[in-house]
Amino acid sequence: MKPKTNHGAEIALETTERQAVAPAATCSPIFFDINYKVRVKLNPWGRGIYMDHYAKYGVECEPPERDSDGWSEFQLWNLMEVYGPHMTIGMKVPFETEIALYPENAPILPPTS
């Protein structure tokens, strides 16, 4: 498929095959409170977004800490608050698309690759 444009931004359509997704009726739901912790790997743009987000409130801060593998920790609601306005289908994203979810009281261990 050739690239299409969306409001002047190029969207690369690299997928040629559809992935099979099980219907919701056959899957068990996963309940995850937005206060639980998540971990993401921010890219440089994502670290800048974080600092700009708090700067608009007059708060000087450092980018979120990263562990030795590059993961930063947030509560899910905070991740959505800071990065939600920058998340649009087909556009550049502020962090890698894999997110590690940590239910309440679960020990935070590095994800296995």
PDB file of N, CA and C in Angstrom:
ATOM      1  N   MET A   1       0.834  -1.170   0.000  1.00  0.00           N
ATOM      2  CA  MET A   1       0.000   0.000   0.000  1.00  0.00           C
ATOM      3  C   MET A   1       0.882   1.236   0.000  1.00  0.00           C
ATOM      4  N   LYS A   2       0.462   2.256  -0.694  1.00  0.00           N
ATOM      5  CA  LYS A   2       1.258   3.478  -0.715  1.00  0.00           C
ATOM      6  C   LYS A   2       0.880   4.367   0.466  1.00  0.00           C
ATOM      7  N   PRO A   3       1.823   5.211   0.919  1.00  0.00           N
ATOM      8  CA  PRO A   3       1.528   6.091   2.046  1.00  0.00           C
ATOM      9  C   PRO A   3       0.379   7.035   1.721  1.00  0.00           C
ATOM     10  N   LYS A   4      -0.427   7.331   2.734  1.00  0.00           N
ATOM     11  CA  LYS A   4      -1.513   8.296   2.619  1.00  0.00           C
ATOM     12  C   LYS A   4      -1.193   9.482   3.511  1.00  0.00           C
ATOM     13  N   THR A   5      -1.862  10.572   3.295  1.00  0.00           N
ATOM     14  CA  THR A   5      -1.633  11.723   4.158  1.00  0.00           C
ATOM     15  C   THR A   5      -2.861  11.992   4.994  1.00  0.00           C
ATOM     16  N   ASN A   6      -2.640  12.506   6.173  1.00  0.00           N
ATOM     17  CA  ASN A   6      -3.699  12.850   7.105  1.00  0.00           C
ATOM     18  C   ASN A   6      -3.362  14.221   7.672  1.00  0.00           C
ATOM     19  N   HIS A   7      -4.057  15.234   7.238  1.00  0.00           N
ATOM     20  CA  HIS A   7      -3.809  16.597   7.686  1.00  0.00           C
ATOM     21  C   HIS A   7      -2.355  16.993   7.451  1.00  0.00           C
ATOM     22  N   GLY A   8      -1.808  16.617   6.325  1.00  0.00           N
ATOM     23  CA  GLY A   8      -0.457  17.014   5.953  1.00  0.00           C
ATOM     24  C   GLY A   8       0.646  16.121   6.505  1.00  0.00           C
ATOM     25  N   ALA A   9       0.344  15.190   7.381  1.00  0.00           N
ATOM     26  CA  ALA A   9       1.370  14.316   7.951  1.00  0.00           C
ATOM     27  C   ALA A   9       1.341  12.981   7.229  1.00  0.00           C
ATOM     28  N   GLU A  10       2.499  12.439   6.928  1.00  0.00           N
ATOM     29  CA  GLU A  10       2.556  11.153   6.234  1.00  0.00           C
ATOM     30  C   GLU A  10       2.324  10.015   7.204  1.00  0.00           C
ATOM     31  N   ILE A  11       1.544   9.073   6.765  1.00  0.00           N
ATOM     32  CA  ILE A  11       1.282   7.869   7.543  1.00  0.00           C
ATOM     33  C   ILE A  11       1.779   6.696   6.708  1.00  0.00           C
ATOM     34  N   ALA A  12       2.759   6.012   7.199  1.00  0.00           N
ATOM     35  CA  ALA A  12       3.292   4.864   6.460  1.00  0.00           C
ATOM     36  C   ALA A  12       2.443   3.638   6.767  1.00  0.00           C
ATOM     37  N   LEU A  13       1.898   3.036   5.732  1.00  0.00           N
ATOM     38  CA  LEU A  13       1.113   1.817   5.901  1.00  0.00           C
ATOM     39  C   LEU A  13       1.989   0.635   5.523  1.00  0.00           C
ATOM     40  N   GLU A  14       2.602   0.031   6.532  1.00  0.00           N
ATOM     41  CA  GLU A  14       3.562  -1.028   6.279  1.00  0.00           C
ATOM     42  C   GLU A  14       2.927  -2.410   6.346  1.00  0.00           C
ATOM     43  N   THR A  15       1.780  -2.534   6.988  1.00  0.00           N
ATOM     44  CA  THR A  15       1.168  -3.843   7.187  1.00  0.00           C
ATOM     45  C   THR A  15       0.382  -4.252   5.954  1.00  0.00           C
ATOM     46  N   THR A  16       0.622  -5.461   5.512  1.00  0.00           N
ATOM     47  CA  THR A  16      -0.121  -5.962   4.355  1.00  0.00           C
ATOM     48  C   THR A  16      -1.095  -7.056   4.745  1.00  0.00           C
ATOM     49  N   GLU A  17      -0.928  -7.624   5.936  1.00  0.00           N
ATOM     50  CA  GLU A  17      -1.813  -8.677   6.404  1.00  0.00           C
ATOM     51  C   GLU A  17      -2.534  -8.207   7.660  1.00  0.00           C
ATOM     52  N   ARG A  18      -3.779  -8.640   7.814  1.00  0.00           N
ATOM     53  CA  ARG A  18      -4.522  -8.312   9.023  1.00  0.00           C
ATOM     54  C   ARG A  18      -4.206  -9.344  10.100  1.00  0.00           C
ATOM     55  N   GLN A  19      -4.094  -8.873  11.327  1.00  0.00           N
ATOM     56  CA  GLN A  19      -3.887  -9.788  12.434  1.00  0.00           C
ATOM     57  C   GLN A  19      -5.241 -10.231  12.952  1.00  0.00           C
ATOM     58  N   ALA A  20      -5.349 -11.490  13.306  1.00  0.00           N
ATOM     59  CA  ALA A  20      -6.608 -12.012  13.851  1.00  0.00           C
ATOM     60  C   ALA A  20      -6.751 -11.560  15.296  1.00  0.00           C
ATOM     61  N   VAL A  21      -7.912 -11.052  15.633  1.00  0.00           N
ATOM     62  CA  VAL A  21      -8.193 -10.621  16.992  1.00  0.00           C
ATOM     63  C   VAL A  21      -9.420 -11.381  17.470  1.00  0.00           C
ATOM     64  N   ALA A  22      -9.312 -11.976  18.654  1.00  0.00           N
ATOM     65  CA  ALA A  22     -10.429 -12.740  19.203  1.00  0.00           C
ATOM     66  C   ALA A  22     -11.569 -11.791  19.556  1.00  0.00           C
ATOM     67  N   PRO A  23     -12.803 -12.155  19.252  1.00  0.00           N
ATOM     68  CA  PRO A  23     -13.946 -11.308  19.627  1.00  0.00           C
ATOM     69  C   PRO A  23     -13.998 -11.117  21.135  1.00  0.00           C
ATOM     70  N   ALA A  24     -14.494  -9.977  21.570  1.00  0.00           N
ATOM     71  CA  ALA A  24     -14.545  -9.660  22.994  1.00  0.00           C
ATOM     72  C   ALA A  24     -15.310 -10.716  23.790  1.00  0.00           C
ATOM     73  N   ALA A  25     -16.319 -11.323  23.178  1.00  0.00           N
ATOM     74  CA  ALA A  25     -17.127 -12.309  23.885  1.00  0.00           C
ATOM     75  C   ALA A  25     -16.325 -13.552  24.270  1.00  0.00           C
ATOM     76  N   THR A  26     -15.218 -13.828  23.590  1.00  0.00           N
ATOM     77  CA  THR A  26     -14.425 -15.022  23.889  1.00  0.00           C
ATOM     78  C   THR A  26     -13.229 -14.723  24.775  1.00  0.00           C
ATOM     79  N   CYS A  27     -12.998 -13.458  25.107  1.00  0.00           N
ATOM     80  CA  CYS A  27     -11.852 -13.065  25.933  1.00  0.00           C
ATOM     81  C   CYS A  27     -12.312 -12.712  27.334  1.00  0.00           C
ATOM     82  N   SER A  28     -11.465 -12.983  28.302  1.00  0.00           N
ATOM     83  CA  SER A  28     -11.741 -12.547  29.668  1.00  0.00           C
ATOM     84  C   SER A  28     -11.217 -11.126  29.821  1.00  0.00           C
ATOM     85  N   PRO A  29     -11.997 -10.243  30.443  1.00  0.00           N
ATOM     86  CA  PRO A  29     -11.519  -8.870  30.607  1.00  0.00           C
ATOM     87  C   PRO A  29     -10.386  -8.811  31.619  1.00  0.00           C
ATOM     88  N   ILE A  30      -9.558  -7.816  31.469  1.00  0.00           N
ATOM     89  CA  ILE A  30      -8.500  -7.534  32.435  1.00  0.00           C
ATOM     90  C   ILE A  30      -8.875  -6.211  33.079  1.00  0.00           C
ATOM     91  N   PHE A  31      -9.032  -6.190  34.381  1.00  0.00           N
ATOM     92  CA  PHE A  31      -9.391  -4.972  35.088  1.00  0.00           C
ATOM     93  C   PHE A  31      -8.118  -4.358  35.646  1.00  0.00           C
ATOM     94  N   PHE A  32      -7.899  -3.092  35.295  1.00  0.00           N
ATOM     95  CA  PHE A  32      -6.664  -2.422  35.666  1.00  0.00           C
ATOM     96  C   PHE A  32      -7.006  -0.999  36.086  1.00  0.00           C
ATOM     97  N   ASP A  33      -6.797  -0.682  37.352  1.00  0.00           N
ATOM     98  CA  ASP A  33      -7.120   0.632  37.892  1.00  0.00           C
ATOM     99  C   ASP A  33      -6.148   1.681  37.341  1.00  0.00           C
ATOM    100  N   ILE A  34      -6.658   2.859  37.008  1.00  0.00           N
ATOM    101  CA  ILE A  34      -5.781   3.897  36.441  1.00  0.00           C
ATOM    102  C   ILE A  34      -4.786   4.443  37.461  1.00  0.00           C
ATOM    103  N   ASN A  35      -4.922   4.063  38.732  1.00  0.00           N
ATOM    104  CA  ASN A  35      -3.936   4.453  39.745  1.00  0.00           C
ATOM    105  C   ASN A  35      -2.764   3.477  39.805  1.00  0.00           C
ATOM    106  N   TYR A  36      -2.891   2.325  39.147  1.00  0.00           N
ATOM    107  CA  TYR A  36      -1.803   1.346  39.138  1.00  0.00           C
ATOM    108  C   TYR A  36      -0.630   1.877  38.322  1.00  0.00           C
ATOM    109  N   LYS A  37       0.501   1.277  38.549  1.00  0.00           N
ATOM    110  CA  LYS A  37       1.717   1.705  37.858  1.00  0.00           C
ATOM    111  C   LYS A  37       1.851   1.051  36.481  1.00  0.00           C
ATOM    112  N   VAL A  38       2.440   1.829  35.576  1.00  0.00           N
ATOM    113  CA  VAL A  38       2.810   1.339  34.256  1.00  0.00           C
ATOM    114  C   VAL A  38       4.231   1.806  33.998  1.00  0.00           C
ATOM    115  N   ARG A  39       4.893   1.133  33.093  1.00  0.00           N
ATOM    116  CA  ARG A  39       6.247   1.542  32.709  1.00  0.00           C
ATOM    117  C   ARG A  39       6.313   1.613  31.201  1.00  0.00           C
ATOM    118  N   VAL A  40       6.997   2.645  30.713  1.00  0.00           N
ATOM    119  CA  VAL A  40       7.187   2.857  29.283  1.00  0.00           C
ATOM    120  C   VAL A  40       8.630   3.267  29.027  1.00  0.00           C
ATOM    121  N   LYS A  41       9.040   3.138  27.771  1.00  0.00           N
ATOM    122  CA  LYS A  41      10.362   3.606  27.353  1.00  0.00           C
ATOM    123  C   LYS A  41      10.169   4.893  26.562  1.00  0.00           C
ATOM    124  N   LEU A  42      10.400   6.027  27.238  1.00  0.00           N
ATOM    125  CA  LEU A  42      10.252   7.321  26.590  1.00  0.00           C
ATOM    126  C   LEU A  42      11.366   7.545  25.576  1.00  0.00           C
ATOM    127  N   ASN A  43      11.046   8.219  24.486  1.00  0.00           N
ATOM    128  CA  ASN A  43      12.082   8.656  23.555  1.00  0.00           C
ATOM    129  C   ASN A  43      12.414  10.111  23.907  1.00  0.00           C
ATOM    130  N   PRO A  44      13.424  10.728  23.267  1.00  0.00           N
ATOM    131  CA  PRO A  44      13.781  12.106  23.614  1.00  0.00           C
ATOM    132  C   PRO A  44      12.601  13.079  23.498  1.00  0.00           C
ATOM    133  N   TRP A  45      11.765  12.910  22.486  1.00  0.00           N
ATOM    134  CA  TRP A  45      10.596  13.771  22.335  1.00  0.00           C
ATOM    135  C   TRP A  45       9.656  13.599  23.530  1.00  0.00           C
ATOM    136  N   GLY A  46       9.467  12.366  23.983  1.00  0.00           N
ATOM    137  CA  GLY A  46       8.609  12.093  25.138  1.00  0.00           C
ATOM    138  C   GLY A  46       9.139  12.716  26.418  1.00  0.00           C
ATOM    139  N   ARG A  47      10.458  12.693  26.604  1.00  0.00           N
ATOM    140  CA  ARG A  47      11.030  13.341  27.789  1.00  0.00           C
ATOM    141  C   ARG A  47      10.799  14.854  27.727  1.00  0.00           C
ATOM    142  N   GLY A  48      10.910  15.432  26.521  1.00  0.00           N
ATOM    143  CA  GLY A  48      10.651  16.858  26.354  1.00  0.00           C
ATOM    144  C   GLY A  48       9.202  17.221  26.625  1.00  0.00           C
ATOM    145  N   ILE A  49       8.278  16.370  26.168  1.00  0.00           N
ATOM    146  CA  ILE A  49       6.850  16.597  26.418  1.00  0.00           C
ATOM    147  C   ILE A  49       6.588  16.638  27.915  1.00  0.00           C
ATOM    148  N   TYR A  50       7.198  15.724  28.645  1.00  0.00           N
ATOM    149  CA  TYR A  50       7.017  15.662  30.098  1.00  0.00           C
ATOM    150  C   TYR A  50       7.443  16.987  30.746  1.00  0.00           C
ATOM    151  N   MET A  51       8.619  17.461  30.385  1.00  0.00           N
ATOM    152  CA  MET A  51       9.126  18.696  30.970  1.00  0.00           C
ATOM    153  C   MET A  51       8.266  19.894  30.562  1.00  0.00           C
ATOM    154  N   ASP A  52       7.847  19.955  29.301  1.00  0.00           N
ATOM    155  CA  ASP A  52       6.988  21.044  28.827  1.00  0.00           C
ATOM    156  C   ASP A  52       5.629  21.025  29.521  1.00  0.00           C
ATOM    157  N   HIS A  53       5.103  19.826  29.768  1.00  0.00           N
ATOM    158  CA  HIS A  53       3.803  19.691  30.428  1.00  0.00           C
ATOM    159  C   HIS A  53       3.829  20.383  31.786  1.00  0.00           C
ATOM    160  N   TYR A  54       4.856  20.124  32.574  1.00  0.00           N
ATOM    161  CA  TYR A  54       4.922  20.711  33.907  1.00  0.00           C
ATOM    162  C   TYR A  54       5.388  22.158  33.876  1.00  0.00           C
ATOM    163  N   ALA A  55       6.170  22.543  32.875  1.00  0.00           N
ATOM    164  CA  ALA A  55       6.622  23.929  32.751  1.00  0.00           C
ATOM    165  C   ALA A  55       5.444  24.880  32.557  1.00  0.00           C
ATOM    166  N   LYS A  56       4.388  24.427  31.871  1.00  0.00           N
ATOM    167  CA  LYS A  56       3.239  25.306  31.653  1.00  0.00           C
ATOM    168  C   LYS A  56       2.503  25.630  32.959  1.00  0.00           C
ATOM    169  N   TYR A  57       2.791  24.853  34.009  1.00  0.00           N
ATOM    170  CA  TYR A  57       2.234  25.133  35.333  1.00  0.00           C
ATOM    171  C   TYR A  57       3.260  25.825  36.237  1.00  0.00           C
ATOM    172  N   GLY A  58       4.393  26.210  35.653  1.00  0.00           N
ATOM    173  CA  GLY A  58       5.443  26.876  36.411  1.00  0.00           C
ATOM    174  C   GLY A  58       6.279  25.944  37.258  1.00  0.00           C
ATOM    175  N   VAL A  59       6.240  24.646  36.954  1.00  0.00           N
ATOM    176  CA  VAL A  59       6.997  23.648  37.723  1.00  0.00           C
ATOM    177  C   VAL A  59       8.235  23.250  36.931  1.00  0.00           C
ATOM    178  N   GLU A  60       9.407  23.482  37.518  1.00  0.00           N
ATOM    179  CA  GLU A  60      10.641  23.022  36.884  1.00  0.00           C
ATOM    180  C   GLU A  60      10.896  21.597  37.346  1.00  0.00           C
ATOM    181  N   CYS A  61      11.202  20.729  36.416  1.00  0.00           N
ATOM    182  CA  CYS A  61      11.420  19.336  36.789  1.00  0.00           C
ATOM    183  C   CYS A  61      12.430  18.696  35.841  1.00  0.00           C
ATOM    184  N   GLU A  62      12.850  17.546  36.235  1.00  0.00           N
ATOM    185  CA  GLU A  62      13.715  16.710  35.412  1.00  0.00           C
ATOM    186  C   GLU A  62      12.848  15.681  34.710  1.00  0.00           C
ATOM    187  N   PRO A  63      13.323  15.129  33.599  1.00  0.00           N
ATOM    188  CA  PRO A  63      12.562  14.037  32.979  1.00  0.00           C
ATOM    189  C   PRO A  63      12.440  12.871  33.962  1.00  0.00           C
ATOM    190  N   PRO A  64      11.441  12.013  33.786  1.00  0.00           N
ATOM    191  CA  PRO A  64      11.291  10.861  34.685  1.00  0.00           C
ATOM    192  C   PRO A  64      12.556  10.008  34.702  1.00  0.00           C
ATOM    193  N   GLU A  65      12.828   9.428  35.855  1.00  0.00           N
ATOM    194  CA  GLU A  65      13.983   8.524  35.971  1.00  0.00           C
ATOM    195  C   GLU A  65      13.807   7.345  35.031  1.00  0.00           C
ATOM    196  N   ARG A  66      14.935   6.828  34.548  1.00  0.00           N
ATOM    197  CA  ARG A  66      14.936   5.626  33.710  1.00  0.00           C
ATOM    198  C   ARG A  66      15.788   4.575  34.395  1.00  0.00           C
ATOM    199  N   ASP A  67      15.351   3.325  34.319  1.00  0.00           N
ATOM    200  CA  ASP A  67      16.188   2.264  34.849  1.00  0.00           C
ATOM    201  C   ASP A  67      17.266   1.929  33.815  1.00  0.00           C
ATOM    202  N   SER A  68      18.070   0.938  34.113  1.00  0.00           N
ATOM    203  CA  SER A  68      19.189   0.603  33.218  1.00  0.00           C
ATOM    204  C   SER A  68      18.731   0.119  31.848  1.00  0.00           C
ATOM    205  N   ASP A  69      17.468  -0.313  31.738  1.00  0.00           N
ATOM    206  CA  ASP A  69      16.939  -0.760  30.444  1.00  0.00           C
ATOM    207  C   ASP A  69      16.112   0.320  29.746  1.00  0.00           C
ATOM    208  N   GLY A  70      16.030   1.515  30.345  1.00  0.00           N
ATOM    209  CA  GLY A  70      15.331   2.628  29.722  1.00  0.00           C
ATOM    210  C   GLY A  70      13.863   2.779  30.091  1.00  0.00           C
ATOM    211  N   TRP A  71      13.364   2.011  31.065  1.00  0.00           N
ATOM    212  CA  TRP A  71      11.950   2.078  31.455  1.00  0.00           C
ATOM    213  C   TRP A  71      11.730   3.185  32.481  1.00  0.00           C
ATOM    214  N   SER A  72      10.658   3.959  32.308  1.00  0.00           N
ATOM    215  CA  SER A  72      10.236   4.987  33.259  1.00  0.00           C
ATOM    216  C   SER A  72       8.865   4.600  33.804  1.00  0.00           C
ATOM    217  N   GLU A  73       8.610   4.956  35.060  1.00  0.00           N
ATOM    218  CA  GLU A  73       7.389   4.530  35.751  1.00  0.00           C
ATOM    219  C   GLU A  73       6.413   5.691  35.940  1.00  0.00           C
ATOM    220  N   PHE A  74       5.133   5.410  35.724  1.00  0.00           N
ATOM    221  CA  PHE A  74       4.054   6.383  35.907  1.00  0.00           C
ATOM    222  C   PHE A  74       2.850   5.677  36.507  1.00  0.00           C
ATOM    223  N   GLN A  75       1.930   6.447  37.099  1.00  0.00           N
ATOM    224  CA  GLN A  75       0.595   5.919  37.316  1.00  0.00           C
ATOM    225  C   GLN A  75      -0.098   6.087  35.970  1.00  0.00           C
ATOM    226  N   LEU A  76      -0.983   5.154  35.624  1.00  0.00           N
ATOM    227  CA  LEU A  76      -1.611   5.193  34.303  1.00  0.00           C
ATOM    228  C   LEU A  76      -2.309   6.524  34.043  1.00  0.00           C
ATOM    229  N   TRP A  77      -3.019   7.078  35.037  1.00  0.00           N
ATOM    230  CA  TRP A  77      -3.727   8.341  34.830  1.00  0.00           C
ATOM    231  C   TRP A  77      -2.759   9.460  34.468  1.00  0.00           C
ATOM    232  N   ASN A  78      -1.559   9.463  35.084  1.00  0.00           N
ATOM    233  CA  ASN A  78      -0.576  10.504  34.806  1.00  0.00           C
ATOM    234  C   ASN A  78       0.008  10.354  33.406  1.00  0.00           C
ATOM    235  N   LEU A  79       0.247   9.117  32.988  1.00  0.00           N
ATOM    236  CA  LEU A  79       0.729   8.870  31.629  1.00  0.00           C
ATOM    237  C   LEU A  79      -0.286   9.390  30.619  1.00  0.00           C
ATOM    238  N   MET A  80      -1.585   9.131  30.874  1.00  0.00           N
ATOM    239  CA  MET A  80      -2.637   9.587  29.970  1.00  0.00           C
ATOM    240  C   MET A  80      -2.731  11.112  29.976  1.00  0.00           C
ATOM    241  N   GLU A  81      -2.611  11.726  31.147  1.00  0.00           N
ATOM    242  CA  GLU A  81      -2.709  13.187  31.256  1.00  0.00           C
ATOM    243  C   GLU A  81      -1.596  13.881  30.474  1.00  0.00           C
ATOM    244  N   VAL A  82      -0.365  13.407  30.659  1.00  0.00           N
ATOM    245  CA  VAL A  82       0.792  14.050  30.030  1.00  0.00           C
ATOM    246  C   VAL A  82       0.859  13.763  28.538  1.00  0.00           C
ATOM    247  N   TYR A  83       0.656  12.505  28.150  1.00  0.00           N
ATOM    248  CA  TYR A  83       0.911  12.116  26.762  1.00  0.00           C
ATOM    249  C   TYR A  83      -0.327  11.970  25.894  1.00  0.00           C
ATOM    250  N   GLY A  84      -1.518  11.923  26.494  1.00  0.00           N
ATOM    251  CA  GLY A  84      -2.744  11.765  25.719  1.00  0.00           C
ATOM    252  C   GLY A  84      -2.899  12.752  24.580  1.00  0.00           C
ATOM    253  N   PRO A  85      -2.664  14.052  24.805  1.00  0.00           N
ATOM    254  CA  PRO A  85      -2.816  15.021  23.717  1.00  0.00           C
ATOM    255  C   PRO A  85      -1.834  14.811  22.554  1.00  0.00           C
ATOM    256  N   HIS A  86      -0.799  14.017  22.777  1.00  0.00           N
ATOM    257  CA  HIS A  86       0.225  13.795  21.749  1.00  0.00           C
ATOM    258  C   HIS A  86       0.084  12.447  21.054  1.00  0.00           C
ATOM    259  N   MET A  87      -0.960  11.700  21.412  1.00  0.00           N
ATOM    260  CA  MET A  87      -1.159  10.366  20.853  1.00  0.00           C
ATOM    261  C   MET A  87      -2.247  10.422  19.786  1.00  0.00           C
ATOM    262  N   THR A  88      -1.855  10.208  18.535  1.00  0.00           N
ATOM    263  CA  THR A  88      -2.786  10.210  17.413  1.00  0.00           C
ATOM    264  C   THR A  88      -2.411   9.070  16.491  1.00  0.00           C
ATOM    265  N   ILE A  89      -3.397   8.372  15.994  1.00  0.00           N
ATOM    266  CA  ILE A  89      -3.135   7.234  15.118  1.00  0.00           C
ATOM    267  C   ILE A  89      -2.288   7.648  13.918  1.00  0.00           C
ATOM    268  N   GLY A  90      -1.286   6.858  13.647  1.00  0.00           N
ATOM    269  CA  GLY A  90      -0.439   7.079  12.487  1.00  0.00           C
ATOM    270  C   GLY A  90       0.619   8.152  12.654  1.00  0.00           C
ATOM    271  N   MET A  91       0.720   8.727  13.828  1.00  0.00           N
ATOM    272  CA  MET A  91       1.675   9.810  14.046  1.00  0.00           C
ATOM    273  C   MET A  91       2.821   9.334  14.934  1.00  0.00           C
ATOM    274  N   LYS A  92       3.806  10.160  15.069  1.00  0.00           N
ATOM    275  CA  LYS A  92       4.941   9.908  15.946  1.00  0.00           C
ATOM    276  C   LYS A  92       4.432   9.733  17.385  1.00  0.00           C
ATOM    277  N   VAL A  93       5.011   8.792  18.111  1.00  0.00           N
ATOM    278  CA  VAL A  93       4.604   8.555  19.501  1.00  0.00           C
ATOM    279  C   VAL A  93       5.759   8.916  20.449  1.00  0.00           C
ATOM    280  N   PRO A  94       5.431   9.351  21.679  1.00  0.00           N
ATOM    281  CA  PRO A  94       6.463   9.794  22.618  1.00  0.00           C
ATOM    282  C   PRO A  94       7.172   8.676  23.378  1.00  0.00           C
ATOM    283  N   PHE A  95       6.729   7.439  23.186  1.00  0.00           N
ATOM    284  CA  PHE A  95       7.384   6.301  23.836  1.00  0.00           C
ATOM    285  C   PHE A  95       7.146   5.063  22.996  1.00  0.00           C
ATOM    286  N   GLU A  96       7.963   4.034  23.252  1.00  0.00           N
ATOM    287  CA  GLU A  96       7.777   2.773  22.537  1.00  0.00           C
ATOM    288  C   GLU A  96       6.367   2.261  22.807  1.00  0.00           C
ATOM    289  N   THR A  97       5.805   1.532  21.867  1.00  0.00           N
ATOM    290  CA  THR A  97       4.411   1.128  21.983  1.00  0.00           C
ATOM    291  C   THR A  97       4.154   0.008  22.993  1.00  0.00           C
ATOM    292  N   GLU A  98       5.175  -0.665  23.461  1.00  0.00           N
ATOM    293  CA  GLU A  98       4.996  -1.693  24.484  1.00  0.00           C
ATOM    294  C   GLU A  98       4.944  -1.026  25.859  1.00  0.00           C
ATOM    295  N   ILE A  99       3.901  -1.339  26.632  1.00  0.00           N
ATOM    296  CA  ILE A  99       3.729  -0.796  27.978  1.00  0.00           C
ATOM    297  C   ILE A  99       3.711  -1.959  28.956  1.00  0.00           C
ATOM    298  N   ALA A 100       4.435  -1.824  30.069  1.00  0.00           N
ATOM    299  CA  ALA A 100       4.417  -2.838  31.126  1.00  0.00           C
ATOM    300  C   ALA A 100       3.390  -2.401  32.169  1.00  0.00           C
ATOM    301  N   LEU A 101       2.426  -3.277  32.472  1.00  0.00           N
ATOM    302  CA  LEU A 101       1.374  -2.998  33.445  1.00  0.00           C
ATOM    303  C   LEU A 101       1.701  -3.681  34.767  1.00  0.00           C
ATOM    304  N   TYR A 102       1.502  -2.970  35.872  1.00  0.00           N
ATOM    305  CA  TYR A 102       1.784  -3.522  37.190  1.00  0.00           C
ATOM    306  C   TYR A 102       0.567  -3.337  38.089  1.00  0.00           C
ATOM    307  N   PRO A 103      -0.214  -4.405  38.326  1.00  0.00           N
ATOM    308  CA  PRO A 103      -1.359  -4.298  39.225  1.00  0.00           C
ATOM    309  C   PRO A 103      -0.920  -3.883  40.632  1.00  0.00           C
ATOM    310  N   GLU A 104      -1.872  -3.397  41.410  1.00  0.00           N
ATOM    311  CA  GLU A 104      -1.593  -2.933  42.766  1.00  0.00           C
ATOM    312  C   GLU A 104      -0.806  -3.966  43.568  1.00  0.00           C
ATOM    313  N   ASN A 105       0.193  -3.501  44.265  1.00  0.00           N
ATOM    314  CA  ASN A 105       1.045  -4.296  45.146  1.00  0.00           C
ATOM    315  C   ASN A 105       1.905  -5.324  44.406  1.00  0.00           C
ATOM    316  N   ALA A 106       1.906  -5.306  43.087  1.00  0.00           N
ATOM    317  CA  ALA A 106       2.762  -6.235  42.346  1.00  0.00           C
ATOM    318  C   ALA A 106       4.183  -5.686  42.373  1.00  0.00           C
ATOM    319  N   PRO A 107       5.177  -6.548  42.571  1.00  0.00           N
ATOM    320  CA  PRO A 107       6.556  -6.072  42.527  1.00  0.00           C
ATOM    321  C   PRO A 107       6.899  -5.617  41.110  1.00  0.00           C
ATOM    322  N   ILE A 108       7.649  -4.546  41.010  1.00  0.00           N
ATOM    323  CA  ILE A 108       8.028  -4.042  39.688  1.00  0.00           C
ATOM    324  C   ILE A 108       9.370  -4.645  39.315  1.00  0.00           C
ATOM    325  N   LEU A 109       9.312  -5.523  38.347  1.00  0.00           N
ATOM    326  CA  LEU A 109      10.500  -6.193  37.824  1.00  0.00           C
ATOM    327  C   LEU A 109      10.676  -5.795  36.383  1.00  0.00           C
ATOM    328  N   PRO A 110      11.909  -5.820  35.862  1.00  0.00           N
ATOM    329  CA  PRO A 110      12.080  -5.492  34.447  1.00  0.00           C
ATOM    330  C   PRO A 110      11.348  -6.509  33.579  1.00  0.00           C
ATOM    331  N   PRO A 111      10.679  -6.042  32.507  1.00  0.00           N
ATOM    332  CA  PRO A 111      10.021  -6.988  31.602  1.00  0.00           C
ATOM    333  C   PRO A 111      11.046  -7.917  30.950  1.00  0.00           C
ATOM    334  N   THR A 112      10.631  -9.121  30.668  1.00  0.00           N
ATOM    335  CA  THR A 112      11.515 -10.049  29.987  1.00  0.00           C
ATOM    336  C   THR A 112      11.319  -9.892  28.490  1.00  0.00           C
ATOM    337  N   SER A 113      12.404  -9.923  27.755  1.00  0.00           N
ATOM    338  CA  SER A 113      12.308  -9.761  26.298  1.00  0.00           C
ATOM    339  C   SER A 113      12.487 -11.081  25.615  1.00  0.00           C
TER     340      SER A 113
END
